[in-house]
Amino acid sequence: MKKLEVGSVIHVTGGSWKAGARGIIGLPIEGTTTGMPKYGGLVHRDLNTPRGPLRFYWVKFEEPQWDADGDGPYIEAEINEQYLEVDA
């Protein structure tokens, strides 16, 4: 699993988001949005699935983004770590 920190500059490689979207790792402001996942002060959230554990990070986009369903624009979102790469 990746070890990203608050402030890490990343780009998205796919998934439900446009490849190439840029942003930074941040913490969600818990309790402000209905249905927002609980991070408990952590920079990531781990989810156990039948296929094994998945790790998600909260990303604050550089520019608003639409998801694969055309919903948006979003200024931040939870994204599976497998679709995140640290910018050099």
C-alpha atoms as a PDB file:
ATOM      1  CA  MET A   1       0.000   0.000   0.000  1.00  0.00           C
ATOM      2  CA  LYS A   2       1.099   3.539  -0.724  1.00  0.00           C
ATOM      3  CA  LYS A   3       2.096   5.960   2.016  1.00  0.00           C
ATOM      4  CA  LEU A   4       0.821   9.337   0.870  1.00  0.00           C
ATOM      5  CA  GLU A   5       0.800  12.327   3.202  1.00  0.00           C
ATOM      6  CA  VAL A   6      -1.288  15.469   3.500  1.00  0.00           C
ATOM      7  CA  GLY A   7       0.025  17.864   0.883  1.00  0.00           C
ATOM      8  CA  SER A   8       1.393  15.186  -1.488  1.00  0.00           C
ATOM      9  CA  VAL A   9       0.887  16.407  -5.063  1.00  0.00           C
ATOM     10  CA  ILE A  10      -0.676  13.661  -7.179  1.00  0.00           C
ATOM     11  CA  HIS A  11      -2.249  12.971 -10.541  1.00  0.00           C
ATOM     12  CA  VAL A  12      -5.067  10.530 -11.235  1.00  0.00           C
ATOM     13  CA  THR A  13      -4.412   7.644 -13.628  1.00  0.00           C
ATOM     14  CA  GLY A  14      -8.001   6.465 -14.168  1.00  0.00           C
ATOM     15  CA  GLY A  15     -10.825   4.757 -12.337  1.00  0.00           C
ATOM     16  CA  SER A  16     -13.953   6.902 -12.031  1.00  0.00           C
ATOM     17  CA  TRP A  17     -11.970  10.074 -12.758  1.00  0.00           C
ATOM     18  CA  LYS A  18     -10.307  11.638 -15.775  1.00  0.00           C
ATOM     19  CA  ALA A  19      -6.736  10.440 -16.171  1.00  0.00           C
ATOM     20  CA  GLY A  20      -4.332  13.300 -15.672  1.00  0.00           C
ATOM     21  CA  ALA A  21      -6.453  15.197 -13.158  1.00  0.00           C
ATOM     22  CA  ARG A  22      -4.147  16.782 -10.579  1.00  0.00           C
ATOM     23  CA  GLY A  23      -4.631  17.492  -6.911  1.00  0.00           C
ATOM     24  CA  ILE A  24      -3.224  17.191  -3.422  1.00  0.00           C
ATOM     25  CA  ILE A  25      -3.867  14.706  -0.641  1.00  0.00           C
ATOM     26  CA  GLY A  26      -5.905  16.272   2.137  1.00  0.00           C
ATOM     27  CA  LEU A  27      -8.255  15.478   4.976  1.00  0.00           C
ATOM     28  CA  PRO A  28     -12.012  15.709   4.522  1.00  0.00           C
ATOM     29  CA  ILE A  29     -13.874  18.048   6.840  1.00  0.00           C
ATOM     30  CA  GLU A  30     -15.884  15.343   8.550  1.00  0.00           C
ATOM     31  CA  GLY A  31     -19.523  15.880   9.322  1.00  0.00           C
ATOM     32  CA  THR A  32     -20.057  18.580   6.711  1.00  0.00           C
ATOM     33  CA  THR A  33     -21.369  16.373   3.899  1.00  0.00           C
ATOM     34  CA  THR A  34     -24.031  13.688   4.237  1.00  0.00           C
ATOM     35  CA  GLY A  35     -22.607  10.282   3.393  1.00  0.00           C
ATOM     36  CA  MET A  36     -18.985  11.409   3.623  1.00  0.00           C
ATOM     37  CA  PRO A  37     -16.705   8.552   4.695  1.00  0.00           C
ATOM     38  CA  LYS A  38     -15.233   8.739   8.191  1.00  0.00           C
ATOM     39  CA  TYR A  39     -11.453   9.054   8.231  1.00  0.00           C
ATOM     40  CA  GLY A  40     -11.045   9.607  11.981  1.00  0.00           C
ATOM     41  CA  GLY A  41      -8.239  12.113  11.450  1.00  0.00           C
ATOM     42  CA  LEU A  42      -6.271   9.784   9.142  1.00  0.00           C
ATOM     43  CA  VAL A  43      -5.152  10.703   5.635  1.00  0.00           C
ATOM     44  CA  HIS A  44      -6.572   7.456   4.206  1.00  0.00           C
ATOM     45  CA  ARG A  45      -9.426   5.014   4.718  1.00  0.00           C
ATOM     46  CA  ASP A  46      -8.992   1.241   4.440  1.00  0.00           C
ATOM     47  CA  LEU A  47     -11.880  -0.901   3.262  1.00  0.00           C
ATOM     48  CA  ASN A  48     -11.927  -4.701   3.519  1.00  0.00           C
ATOM     49  CA  THR A  49     -13.469  -6.355   0.470  1.00  0.00           C
ATOM     50  CA  PRO A  50     -13.862  -9.979  -0.636  1.00  0.00           C
ATOM     51  CA  ARG A  51     -10.914  -9.380  -3.002  1.00  0.00           C
ATOM     52  CA  GLY A  52      -8.731  -7.980  -0.234  1.00  0.00           C
ATOM     53  CA  PRO A  53      -8.102  -4.605   1.375  1.00  0.00           C
ATOM     54  CA  LEU A  54      -8.436  -1.373  -0.584  1.00  0.00           C
ATOM     55  CA  ARG A  55      -7.050   1.987   0.486  1.00  0.00           C
ATOM     56  CA  PHE A  56      -8.666   5.296  -0.426  1.00  0.00           C
ATOM     57  CA  TYR A  57      -7.255   8.807  -0.132  1.00  0.00           C
ATOM     58  CA  TRP A  58      -9.071  12.141  -0.019  1.00  0.00           C
ATOM     59  CA  VAL A  59      -7.984  14.282  -2.979  1.00  0.00           C
ATOM     60  CA  LYS A  60      -8.540  18.024  -3.331  1.00  0.00           C
ATOM     61  CA  PHE A  61      -8.506  18.682  -7.080  1.00  0.00           C
ATOM     62  CA  GLU A  62      -6.458  21.458  -8.647  1.00  0.00           C
ATOM     63  CA  GLU A  63      -9.437  22.150 -10.950  1.00  0.00           C
ATOM     64  CA  PRO A  64     -13.047  20.914 -10.521  1.00  0.00           C
ATOM     65  CA  GLN A  65     -13.613  17.449 -12.030  1.00  0.00           C
ATOM     66  CA  TRP A  66     -16.542  15.417 -13.331  1.00  0.00           C
ATOM     67  CA  ASP A  67     -16.711  11.702 -12.534  1.00  0.00           C
ATOM     68  CA  ALA A  68     -17.177   8.886 -15.069  1.00  0.00           C
ATOM     69  CA  ASP A  69     -20.988   9.178 -14.729  1.00  0.00           C
ATOM     70  CA  GLY A  70     -20.848  12.855 -15.699  1.00  0.00           C
ATOM     71  CA  ASP A  71     -21.679  14.057 -12.188  1.00  0.00           C
ATOM     72  CA  GLY A  72     -19.904  17.112 -10.863  1.00  0.00           C
ATOM     73  CA  PRO A  73     -18.046  19.277 -10.889  1.00  0.00           C
ATOM     74  CA  TYR A  74     -16.327  18.078  -7.709  1.00  0.00           C
ATOM     75  CA  ILE A  75     -13.578  20.014  -5.974  1.00  0.00           C
ATOM     76  CA  GLU A  76     -12.553  16.973  -3.894  1.00  0.00           C
ATOM     77  CA  ALA A  77     -13.225  13.241  -3.790  1.00  0.00           C
ATOM     78  CA  GLU A  78     -12.215   9.912  -2.310  1.00  0.00           C
ATOM     79  CA  ILE A  79     -10.057   7.951  -4.778  1.00  0.00           C
ATOM     80  CA  ASN A  80      -8.680   4.415  -4.698  1.00  0.00           C
ATOM     81  CA  GLU A  81      -4.906   4.522  -4.217  1.00  0.00           C
ATOM     82  CA  GLN A  82      -4.342   2.321  -7.277  1.00  0.00           C
ATOM     83  CA  TYR A  83      -5.366   5.308  -9.425  1.00  0.00           C
ATOM     84  CA  LEU A  84      -3.030   7.813  -7.747  1.00  0.00           C
ATOM     85  CA  GLU A  85       0.563   8.607  -8.681  1.00  0.00           C
ATOM     86  CA  VAL A  86       2.827  11.084  -6.927  1.00  0.00           C
ATOM     87  CA  ASP A  87       4.046  13.910  -9.172  1.00  0.00           C
ATOM     88  CA  ALA A  88       7.801  14.170  -9.405  1.00  0.00           C
END
